[in-house]
PDB file of N, CA and C in Angstrom:
ATOM      1  N   UNK A   1       5.665  -7.056  10.457  1.00  0.00           N
ATOM      2  CA  UNK A   1       4.489  -6.351  10.902  1.00  0.00           C
ATOM      3  C   UNK A   1       3.374  -6.549   9.886  1.00  0.00           C
ATOM      4  N   UNK A   2       2.180  -6.832  10.393  1.00  0.00           N
ATOM      5  CA  UNK A   2       1.012  -6.996   9.533  1.00  0.00           C
ATOM      6  C   UNK A   2      -0.119  -6.115  10.035  1.00  0.00           C
ATOM      7  N   UNK A   3      -0.932  -5.634   9.093  1.00  0.00           N
ATOM      8  CA  UNK A   3      -2.080  -4.804   9.472  1.00  0.00           C
ATOM      9  C   UNK A   3      -3.143  -4.865   8.396  1.00  0.00           C
ATOM     10  N   UNK A   4      -4.349  -4.506   8.795  1.00  0.00           N
ATOM     11  CA  UNK A   4      -5.473  -4.412   7.873  1.00  0.00           C
ATOM     12  C   UNK A   4      -5.922  -2.962   7.801  1.00  0.00           C
ATOM     13  N   UNK A   5      -6.315  -2.534   6.617  1.00  0.00           N
ATOM     14  CA  UNK A   5      -6.782  -1.157   6.435  1.00  0.00           C
ATOM     15  C   UNK A   5      -7.847  -1.137   5.345  1.00  0.00           C
ATOM     16  N   UNK A   6      -8.641  -0.105   5.381  1.00  0.00           N
ATOM     17  CA  UNK A   6      -9.665   0.119   4.363  1.00  0.00           C
ATOM     18  C   UNK A   6      -9.507   1.537   3.845  1.00  0.00           C
ATOM     19  N   UNK A   7      -9.622   1.702   2.540  1.00  0.00           N
ATOM     20  CA  UNK A   7      -9.505   3.038   1.972  1.00  0.00           C
ATOM     21  C   UNK A   7     -10.101   3.113   0.583  1.00  0.00           C
ATOM     22  N   UNK A   8     -10.298   4.340   0.130  1.00  0.00           N
ATOM     23  CA  UNK A   8     -10.825   4.596  -1.209  1.00  0.00           C
ATOM     24  C   UNK A   8      -9.677   4.674  -2.196  1.00  0.00           C
ATOM     25  N   UNK A   9      -9.803   3.987  -3.306  1.00  0.00           N
ATOM     26  CA  UNK A   9      -8.774   4.029  -4.336  1.00  0.00           C
ATOM     27  C   UNK A   9      -8.762   5.419  -4.962  1.00  0.00           C
ATOM     28  N   UNK A  10      -7.571   6.015  -4.964  1.00  0.00           N
ATOM     29  CA  UNK A  10      -7.396   7.357  -5.521  1.00  0.00           C
ATOM     30  C   UNK A  10      -6.385   7.311  -6.660  1.00  0.00           C
ATOM     31  N   UNK A  11      -6.386   8.377  -7.438  1.00  0.00           N
ATOM     32  CA  UNK A  11      -5.394   8.529  -8.496  1.00  0.00           C
ATOM     33  C   UNK A  11      -4.408   9.592  -8.065  1.00  0.00           C
ATOM     34  N   UNK A  12      -3.142   9.308  -8.265  1.00  0.00           N
ATOM     35  CA  UNK A  12      -2.114  10.315  -8.021  1.00  0.00           C
ATOM     36  C   UNK A  12      -1.347  10.469  -9.312  1.00  0.00           C
ATOM     37  N   UNK A  13      -1.307  11.675  -9.795  1.00  0.00           N
ATOM     38  CA  UNK A  13      -0.622  11.929 -11.060  1.00  0.00           C
ATOM     39  C   UNK A  13       0.779  12.448 -10.789  1.00  0.00           C
ATOM     40  N   UNK A  14       1.707  11.542 -10.936  1.00  0.00           N
ATOM     41  CA  UNK A  14       3.109  11.913 -10.899  1.00  0.00           C
ATOM     42  C   UNK A  14       3.567  11.947 -12.342  1.00  0.00           C
ATOM     43  N   UNK A  15       4.721  11.353 -12.623  1.00  0.00           N
ATOM     44  CA  UNK A  15       5.164  11.263 -14.008  1.00  0.00           C
ATOM     45  C   UNK A  15       4.167  10.483 -14.874  1.00  0.00           C
ATOM     46  N   UNK A  16       3.426   9.569 -14.247  1.00  0.00           N
ATOM     47  CA  UNK A  16       2.361   8.814 -14.926  1.00  0.00           C
ATOM     48  C   UNK A  16       1.264   8.579 -13.896  1.00  0.00           C
ATOM     49  N   UNK A  17       0.012   8.479 -14.336  1.00  0.00           N
ATOM     50  CA  UNK A  17      -1.069   8.265 -13.361  1.00  0.00           C
ATOM     51  C   UNK A  17      -1.042   6.843 -12.800  1.00  0.00           C
ATOM     52  N   UNK A  18      -1.245   6.739 -11.508  1.00  0.00           N
ATOM     53  CA  UNK A  18      -1.304   5.451 -10.835  1.00  0.00           C
ATOM     54  C   UNK A  18      -2.447   5.477  -9.843  1.00  0.00           C
ATOM     55  N   UNK A  19      -2.949   4.299  -9.497  1.00  0.00           N
ATOM     56  CA  UNK A  19      -3.988   4.194  -8.486  1.00  0.00           C
ATOM     57  C   UNK A  19      -3.379   3.670  -7.192  1.00  0.00           C
ATOM     58  N   UNK A  20      -3.851   4.236  -6.082  1.00  0.00           N
ATOM     59  CA  UNK A  20      -3.321   3.900  -4.762  1.00  0.00           C
ATOM     60  C   UNK A  20      -4.461   3.793  -3.763  1.00  0.00           C
ATOM     61  N   UNK A  21      -4.200   3.050  -2.688  1.00  0.00           N
ATOM     62  CA  UNK A  21      -5.067   3.055  -1.518  1.00  0.00           C
ATOM     63  C   UNK A  21      -4.286   3.749  -0.409  1.00  0.00           C
ATOM     64  N   UNK A  22      -4.709   4.943   0.021  1.00  0.00           N
ATOM     65  CA  UNK A  22      -4.054   5.576   1.168  1.00  0.00           C
ATOM     66  C   UNK A  22      -4.468   4.829   2.441  1.00  0.00           C
ATOM     67  N   UNK A  23      -3.501   4.553   3.303  1.00  0.00           N
ATOM     68  CA  UNK A  23      -3.825   3.899   4.566  1.00  0.00           C
ATOM     69  C   UNK A  23      -4.613   4.846   5.459  1.00  0.00           C
ATOM     70  N   UNK A  24      -5.532   4.288   6.245  1.00  0.00           N
ATOM     71  CA  UNK A  24      -6.265   5.105   7.213  1.00  0.00           C
ATOM     72  C   UNK A  24      -5.301   5.562   8.314  1.00  0.00           C
ATOM     73  N   UNK A  25      -5.728   6.513   9.130  1.00  0.00           N
ATOM     74  CA  UNK A  25      -4.841   7.126  10.128  1.00  0.00           C
ATOM     75  C   UNK A  25      -4.223   6.116  11.079  1.00  0.00           C
ATOM     76  N   UNK A  26      -5.018   5.180  11.590  1.00  0.00           N
ATOM     77  CA  UNK A  26      -4.484   4.194  12.540  1.00  0.00           C
ATOM     78  C   UNK A  26      -3.417   3.325  11.895  1.00  0.00           C
ATOM     79  N   UNK A  27      -3.683   2.849  10.691  1.00  0.00           N
ATOM     80  CA  UNK A  27      -2.714   2.012   9.990  1.00  0.00           C
ATOM     81  C   UNK A  27      -1.458   2.810   9.655  1.00  0.00           C
ATOM     82  N   UNK A  28      -1.621   4.048   9.196  1.00  0.00           N
ATOM     83  CA  UNK A  28      -0.471   4.888   8.861  1.00  0.00           C
ATOM     84  C   UNK A  28       0.385   5.159  10.091  1.00  0.00           C
ATOM     85  N   UNK A  29      -0.250   5.397  11.228  1.00  0.00           N
ATOM     86  CA  UNK A  29       0.502   5.621  12.467  1.00  0.00           C
ATOM     87  C   UNK A  29       1.288   4.377  12.856  1.00  0.00           C
ATOM     88  N   UNK A  30       0.685   3.203  12.707  1.00  0.00           N
ATOM     89  CA  UNK A  30       1.368   1.952  13.040  1.00  0.00           C
ATOM     90  C   UNK A  30       2.576   1.735  12.126  1.00  0.00           C
ATOM     91  N   UNK A  31       2.412   2.018  10.845  1.00  0.00           N
ATOM     92  CA  UNK A  31       3.517   1.876   9.896  1.00  0.00           C
ATOM     93  C   UNK A  31       4.620   2.882  10.215  1.00  0.00           C
ATOM     94  N   UNK A  32       4.256   4.121  10.468  1.00  0.00           N
ATOM     95  CA  UNK A  32       5.252   5.158  10.761  1.00  0.00           C
ATOM     96  C   UNK A  32       6.097   4.796  11.981  1.00  0.00           C
ATOM     97  N   UNK A  33       5.490   4.118  12.942  1.00  0.00           N
ATOM     98  CA  UNK A  33       6.203   3.761  14.171  1.00  0.00           C
ATOM     99  C   UNK A  33       7.328   2.756  13.923  1.00  0.00           C
ATOM    100  N   UNK A  34       7.231   1.974  12.846  1.00  0.00           N
ATOM    101  CA  UNK A  34       8.250   0.953  12.582  1.00  0.00           C
ATOM    102  C   UNK A  34       8.968   1.167  11.246  1.00  0.00           C
ATOM    103  N   UNK A  35       8.662   2.236  10.550  1.00  0.00           N
ATOM    104  CA  UNK A  35       9.177   2.454   9.194  1.00  0.00           C
ATOM    105  C   UNK A  35      10.696   2.356   9.110  1.00  0.00           C
ATOM    106  N   UNK A  36      11.393   2.882  10.100  1.00  0.00           N
ATOM    107  CA  UNK A  36      12.867   2.845  10.068  1.00  0.00           C
ATOM    108  C   UNK A  36      13.408   1.425   9.983  1.00  0.00           C
ATOM    109  N   UNK A  37      12.671   0.476  10.533  1.00  0.00           N
ATOM    110  CA  UNK A  37      13.132  -0.912  10.539  1.00  0.00           C
ATOM    111  C   UNK A  37      12.921  -1.613   9.199  1.00  0.00           C
ATOM    112  N   UNK A  38      12.118  -1.026   8.314  1.00  0.00           N
ATOM    113  CA  UNK A  38      11.752  -1.701   7.071  1.00  0.00           C
ATOM    114  C   UNK A  38      12.162  -0.967   5.800  1.00  0.00           C
ATOM    115  N   UNK A  39      12.392   0.327   5.866  1.00  0.00           N
ATOM    116  CA  UNK A  39      12.638   1.094   4.648  1.00  0.00           C
ATOM    117  C   UNK A  39      13.952   0.694   3.985  1.00  0.00           C
ATOM    118  N   UNK A  40      13.964   0.745   2.666  1.00  0.00           N
ATOM    119  CA  UNK A  40      15.198   0.519   1.925  1.00  0.00           C
ATOM    120  C   UNK A  40      15.701   1.829   1.325  1.00  0.00           C
ATOM    121  N   UNK A  41      15.099   2.935   1.713  1.00  0.00           N
ATOM    122  CA  UNK A  41      15.523   4.245   1.240  1.00  0.00           C
ATOM    123  C   UNK A  41      14.349   5.068   0.767  1.00  0.00           C
ATOM    124  N   UNK A  42      14.466   6.366   0.834  1.00  0.00           N
ATOM    125  CA  UNK A  42      13.451   7.321   0.382  1.00  0.00           C
ATOM    126  C   UNK A  42      12.106   7.127   1.079  1.00  0.00           C
ATOM    127  N   UNK A  43      12.091   6.398   2.179  1.00  0.00           N
ATOM    128  CA  UNK A  43      10.855   6.165   2.913  1.00  0.00           C
ATOM    129  C   UNK A  43      10.008   5.035   2.367  1.00  0.00           C
ATOM    130  N   UNK A  44      10.426   4.436   1.250  1.00  0.00           N
ATOM    131  CA  UNK A  44       9.669   3.333   0.657  1.00  0.00           C
ATOM    132  C   UNK A  44       9.780   2.088   1.535  1.00  0.00           C
ATOM    133  N   UNK A  45       8.669   1.366   1.647  1.00  0.00           N
ATOM    134  CA  UNK A  45       8.613   0.180   2.500  1.00  0.00           C
ATOM    135  C   UNK A  45       8.132  -1.019   1.688  1.00  0.00           C
ATOM    136  N   UNK A  46       8.978  -2.028   1.488  1.00  0.00           N
ATOM    137  CA  UNK A  46       8.543  -3.199   0.740  1.00  0.00           C
ATOM    138  C   UNK A  46       7.453  -3.941   1.505  1.00  0.00           C
ATOM    139  N   UNK A  47       6.479  -4.448   0.766  1.00  0.00           N
ATOM    140  CA  UNK A  47       5.345  -5.105   1.419  1.00  0.00           C
ATOM    141  C   UNK A  47       4.729  -6.164   0.519  1.00  0.00           C
ATOM    142  N   UNK A  48       4.100  -7.126   1.179  1.00  0.00           N
ATOM    143  CA  UNK A  48       3.225  -8.067   0.502  1.00  0.00           C
ATOM    144  C   UNK A  48       1.809  -7.639   0.857  1.00  0.00           C
ATOM    145  N   UNK A  49       0.975  -7.481  -0.144  1.00  0.00           N
ATOM    146  CA  UNK A  49      -0.375  -6.937   0.056  1.00  0.00           C
ATOM    147  C   UNK A  49      -1.404  -7.931  -0.474  1.00  0.00           C
ATOM    148  N   UNK A  50      -2.502  -8.066   0.248  1.00  0.00           N
ATOM    149  CA  UNK A  50      -3.645  -8.838  -0.246  1.00  0.00           C
ATOM    150  C   UNK A  50      -4.812  -7.879  -0.422  1.00  0.00           C
ATOM    151  N   UNK A  51      -5.360  -7.846  -1.613  1.00  0.00           N
ATOM    152  CA  UNK A  51      -6.566  -7.081  -1.919  1.00  0.00           C
ATOM    153  C   UNK A  51      -7.536  -8.088  -2.515  1.00  0.00           C
ATOM    154  N   UNK A  52      -8.621  -8.347  -1.817  1.00  0.00           N
ATOM    155  CA  UNK A  52      -9.522  -9.409  -2.258  1.00  0.00           C
ATOM    156  C   UNK A  52      -8.808 -10.740  -2.152  1.00  0.00           C
ATOM    157  N   UNK A  53      -8.782 -11.474  -3.259  1.00  0.00           N
ATOM    158  CA  UNK A  53      -8.101 -12.772  -3.279  1.00  0.00           C
ATOM    159  C   UNK A  53      -6.713 -12.679  -3.892  1.00  0.00           C
ATOM    160  N   UNK A  54      -6.314 -11.482  -4.298  1.00  0.00           N
ATOM    161  CA  UNK A  54      -5.040 -11.292  -4.987  1.00  0.00           C
ATOM    162  C   UNK A  54      -3.954 -10.854  -4.011  1.00  0.00           C
ATOM    163  N   UNK A  55      -2.839 -11.573  -4.041  1.00  0.00           N
ATOM    164  CA  UNK A  55      -1.676 -11.242  -3.212  1.00  0.00           C
ATOM    165  C   UNK A  55      -0.568 -10.784  -4.154  1.00  0.00           C
ATOM    166  N   UNK A  56       0.070  -9.662  -3.815  1.00  0.00           N
ATOM    167  CA  UNK A  56       1.126  -9.128  -4.669  1.00  0.00           C
ATOM    168  C   UNK A  56       2.163  -8.398  -3.828  1.00  0.00           C
ATOM    169  N   UNK A  57       3.341  -8.227  -4.399  1.00  0.00           N
ATOM    170  CA  UNK A  57       4.411  -7.478  -3.732  1.00  0.00           C
ATOM    171  C   UNK A  57       4.513  -6.096  -4.353  1.00  0.00           C
ATOM    172  N   UNK A  58       4.773  -5.130  -3.497  1.00  0.00           N
ATOM    173  CA  UNK A  58       4.885  -3.743  -3.917  1.00  0.00           C
ATOM    174  C   UNK A  58       5.666  -3.000  -2.848  1.00  0.00           C
ATOM    175  N   UNK A  59       5.680  -1.703  -2.910  1.00  0.00           N
ATOM    176  CA  UNK A  59       6.272  -0.875  -1.859  1.00  0.00           C
ATOM    177  C   UNK A  59       5.301   0.229  -1.494  1.00  0.00           C
ATOM    178  N   UNK A  60       5.149   0.463  -0.201  1.00  0.00           N
ATOM    179  CA  UNK A  60       4.340   1.572   0.291  1.00  0.00           C
ATOM    180  C   UNK A  60       5.186   2.833   0.219  1.00  0.00           C
ATOM    181  N   UNK A  61       4.543   3.957  -0.085  1.00  0.00           N
ATOM    182  CA  UNK A  61       5.253   5.224  -0.188  1.00  0.00           C
ATOM    183  C   UNK A  61       4.626   6.259   0.731  1.00  0.00           C
ATOM    184  N   UNK A  62       5.466   6.996   1.471  1.00  0.00           N
ATOM    185  CA  UNK A  62       4.913   8.059   2.319  1.00  0.00           C
ATOM    186  C   UNK A  62       4.447   9.220   1.450  1.00  0.00           C
ATOM    187  N   UNK A  63       3.268   9.740   1.777  1.00  0.00           N
ATOM    188  CA  UNK A  63       2.727  10.875   1.012  1.00  0.00           C
ATOM    189  C   UNK A  63       1.610  11.517   1.820  1.00  0.00           C
ATOM    190  N   UNK A  64       1.678  12.812   1.987  1.00  0.00           N
ATOM    191  CA  UNK A  64       0.601  13.600   2.600  1.00  0.00           C
ATOM    192  C   UNK A  64       0.190  13.074   3.975  1.00  0.00           C
ATOM    193  N   UNK A  65       1.179  12.673   4.779  1.00  0.00           N
ATOM    194  CA  UNK A  65       0.901  12.247   6.146  1.00  0.00           C
ATOM    195  C   UNK A  65       0.381  10.835   6.295  1.00  0.00           C
ATOM    196  N   UNK A  66       0.410  10.061   5.208  1.00  0.00           N
ATOM    197  CA  UNK A  66      -0.018   8.664   5.276  1.00  0.00           C
ATOM    198  C   UNK A  66       0.937   7.839   4.421  1.00  0.00           C
ATOM    199  N   UNK A  67       0.560   6.622   4.142  1.00  0.00           N
ATOM    200  CA  UNK A  67       1.316   5.771   3.227  1.00  0.00           C
ATOM    201  C   UNK A  67       0.370   5.328   2.129  1.00  0.00           C
ATOM    202  N   UNK A  68       0.865   5.351   0.886  1.00  0.00           N
ATOM    203  CA  UNK A  68       0.080   4.937  -0.267  1.00  0.00           C
ATOM    204  C   UNK A  68       0.459   3.510  -0.648  1.00  0.00           C
ATOM    205  N   UNK A  69      -0.562   2.681  -0.874  1.00  0.00           N
ATOM    206  CA  UNK A  69      -0.369   1.321  -1.362  1.00  0.00           C
ATOM    207  C   UNK A  69      -0.692   1.332  -2.858  1.00  0.00           C
ATOM    208  N   UNK A  70       0.303   1.142  -3.722  1.00  0.00           N
ATOM    209  CA  UNK A  70       0.019   1.102  -5.156  1.00  0.00           C
ATOM    210  C   UNK A  70      -0.856  -0.099  -5.502  1.00  0.00           C
ATOM    211  N   UNK A  71      -1.828   0.117  -6.389  1.00  0.00           N
ATOM    212  CA  UNK A  71      -2.696  -0.971  -6.845  1.00  0.00           C
ATOM    213  C   UNK A  71      -2.358  -1.225  -8.314  1.00  0.00           C
ATOM    214  N   UNK A  72      -1.625  -2.292  -8.549  1.00  0.00           N
ATOM    215  CA  UNK A  72      -1.173  -2.618  -9.893  1.00  0.00           C
ATOM    216  C   UNK A  72      -2.363  -2.873 -10.823  1.00  0.00           C
ATOM    217  N   UNK A  73      -2.159  -2.601 -12.105  1.00  0.00           N
ATOM    218  CA  UNK A  73      -3.213  -2.800 -13.097  1.00  0.00           C
ATOM    219  C   UNK A  73      -3.694  -4.252 -13.085  1.00  0.00           C
ATOM    220  N   UNK A  74      -2.778  -5.200 -12.957  1.00  0.00           N
ATOM    221  CA  UNK A  74      -3.170  -6.614 -12.923  1.00  0.00           C
ATOM    222  C   UNK A  74      -4.092  -6.898 -11.739  1.00  0.00           C
ATOM    223  N   UNK A  75      -3.849  -6.245 -10.612  1.00  0.00           N
ATOM    224  CA  UNK A  75      -4.697  -6.418  -9.427  1.00  0.00           C
ATOM    225  C   UNK A  75      -6.057  -5.762  -9.668  1.00  0.00           C
ATOM    226  N   UNK A  76      -6.051  -4.568 -10.257  1.00  0.00           N
ATOM    227  CA  UNK A  76      -7.312  -3.887 -10.568  1.00  0.00           C
ATOM    228  C   UNK A  76      -8.197  -4.780 -11.433  1.00  0.00           C
ATOM    229  N   UNK A  77      -7.606  -5.373 -12.446  1.00  0.00           N
ATOM    230  CA  UNK A  77      -8.369  -6.229 -13.365  1.00  0.00           C
ATOM    231  C   UNK A  77      -8.841  -7.507 -12.673  1.00  0.00           C
ATOM    232  N   UNK A  78      -7.949  -8.137 -11.924  1.00  0.00           N
ATOM    233  CA  UNK A  78      -8.296  -9.402 -11.262  1.00  0.00           C
ATOM    234  C   UNK A  78      -9.423  -9.230 -10.254  1.00  0.00           C
ATOM    235  N   UNK A  79      -9.434  -8.087  -9.571  1.00  0.00           N
ATOM    236  CA  UNK A  79     -10.418  -7.855  -8.512  1.00  0.00           C
ATOM    237  C   UNK A  79     -11.598  -6.994  -8.963  1.00  0.00           C
ATOM    238  N   UNK A  80     -11.537  -6.473 -10.185  1.00  0.00           N
ATOM    239  CA  UNK A  80     -12.630  -5.643 -10.689  1.00  0.00           C
ATOM    240  C   UNK A  80     -12.799  -4.352  -9.911  1.00  0.00           C
ATOM    241  N   UNK A  81     -11.680  -3.740  -9.531  1.00  0.00           N
ATOM    242  CA  UNK A  81     -11.731  -2.496  -8.755  1.00  0.00           C
ATOM    243  C   UNK A  81     -11.104  -1.363  -9.547  1.00  0.00           C
ATOM    244  N   UNK A  82     -11.479  -0.138  -9.166  1.00  0.00           N
ATOM    245  CA  UNK A  82     -10.926   1.023  -9.839  1.00  0.00           C
ATOM    246  C   UNK A  82     -11.098   2.277  -9.015  1.00  0.00           C
ATOM    247  N   UNK A  83     -10.818   3.379  -9.632  1.00  0.00           N
ATOM    248  CA  UNK A  83     -10.868   4.689  -9.001  1.00  0.00           C
ATOM    249  C   UNK A  83     -12.190   4.896  -8.264  1.00  0.00           C
ATOM    250  N   UNK A  84     -12.101   5.287  -6.994  1.00  0.00           N
ATOM    251  CA  UNK A  84     -13.280   5.584  -6.194  1.00  0.00           C
ATOM    252  C   UNK A  84     -13.831   4.415  -5.401  1.00  0.00           C
ATOM    253  N   UNK A  85     -13.398   3.199  -5.717  1.00  0.00           N
ATOM    254  CA  UNK A  85     -13.870   2.034  -4.958  1.00  0.00           C
ATOM    255  C   UNK A  85     -13.231   2.018  -3.571  1.00  0.00           C
ATOM    256  N   UNK A  86     -13.999   1.607  -2.585  1.00  0.00           N
ATOM    257  CA  UNK A  86     -13.475   1.430  -1.230  1.00  0.00           C
ATOM    258  C   UNK A  86     -13.103  -0.038  -1.085  1.00  0.00           C
ATOM    259  N   UNK A  87     -11.850  -0.282  -0.713  1.00  0.00           N
ATOM    260  CA  UNK A  87     -11.340  -1.652  -0.631  1.00  0.00           C
ATOM    261  C   UNK A  87     -10.644  -1.885   0.705  1.00  0.00           C
ATOM    262  N   UNK A  88     -10.572  -3.144   1.073  1.00  0.00           N
ATOM    263  CA  UNK A  88      -9.815  -3.556   2.255  1.00  0.00           C
ATOM    264  C   UNK A  88      -8.508  -4.171   1.773  1.00  0.00           C
ATOM    265  N   UNK A  89      -7.427  -3.842   2.459  1.00  0.00           N
ATOM    266  CA  UNK A  89      -6.126  -4.428   2.145  1.00  0.00           C
ATOM    267  C   UNK A  89      -5.523  -5.014   3.416  1.00  0.00           C
ATOM    268  N   UNK A  90      -4.802  -6.108   3.237  1.00  0.00           N
ATOM    269  CA  UNK A  90      -3.994  -6.682   4.310  1.00  0.00           C
ATOM    270  C   UNK A  90      -2.553  -6.447   3.890  1.00  0.00           C
ATOM    271  N   UNK A  91      -1.776  -5.812   4.748  1.00  0.00           N
ATOM    272  CA  UNK A  91      -0.404  -5.433   4.424  1.00  0.00           C
ATOM    273  C   UNK A  91       0.553  -6.145   5.370  1.00  0.00           C
ATOM    274  N   UNK A  92       1.575  -6.772   4.788  1.00  0.00           N
ATOM    275  CA  UNK A  92       2.662  -7.346   5.584  1.00  0.00           C
ATOM    276  C   UNK A  92       3.952  -6.680   5.131  1.00  0.00           C
ATOM    277  N   UNK A  93       4.551  -5.898   6.022  1.00  0.00           N
ATOM    278  CA  UNK A  93       5.819  -5.262   5.690  1.00  0.00           C
ATOM    279  C   UNK A  93       6.899  -6.328   5.602  1.00  0.00           C
ATOM    280  N   UNK A  94       7.796  -6.164   4.641  1.00  0.00           N
ATOM    281  CA  UNK A  94       8.852  -7.139   4.408  1.00  0.00           C
ATOM    282  C   UNK A  94      10.182  -6.611   4.919  1.00  0.00           C
ATOM    283  N   UNK A  95      10.766  -7.346   5.832  1.00  0.00           N
ATOM    284  CA  UNK A  95      12.085  -7.001   6.339  1.00  0.00           C
ATOM    285  C   UNK A  95      13.157  -7.527   5.408  1.00  0.00           C
ATOM    286  N   UNK A  96      14.423  -7.221   5.692  1.00  0.00           N
ATOM    287  CA  UNK A  96      15.521  -7.654   4.820  1.00  0.00           C
ATOM    288  C   UNK A  96      15.531  -9.160   4.554  1.00  0.00           C
ATOM    289  N   UNK A  97      15.167  -9.970   5.534  1.00  0.00           N
ATOM    290  CA  UNK A  97      15.193 -11.425   5.335  1.00  0.00           C
ATOM    291  C   UNK A  97      14.036 -11.920   4.469  1.00  0.00           C
ATOM    292  N   UNK A  98      13.031 -11.080   4.238  1.00  0.00           N
ATOM    293  CA  UNK A  98      11.866 -11.462   3.423  1.00  0.00           C
ATOM    294  C   UNK A  98      12.019 -11.086   1.956  1.00  0.00           C
ATOM    295  N   UNK A  99      12.990 -10.240   1.645  1.00  0.00           N
ATOM    296  CA  UNK A  99      13.092  -9.701   0.282  1.00  0.00           C
ATOM    297  C   UNK A  99      13.828 -10.623  -0.645  1.00  0.00           C
TER     298      UNK A  99
END
């Protein structure tokens, strides 16, 4: 499954602060509809993400009725993005054969 979404980069302070792009409602609904087919546990969904020209692998996490896309520090630096920036992401969920 592949989708495009746009969102504002936010900070979520768990054990350590991280930056995420929350998926918009339409994208989150589409992911939720197929999540059972992709999750490897705890609701986490492995994905390949493109932000700008940077492609990276990560896992989407369910939170507050949406899914959060972690934005790695290397991606932040490569794309010159940070907290509060609105960015577009292309997400491809990875099934067992893709991992």
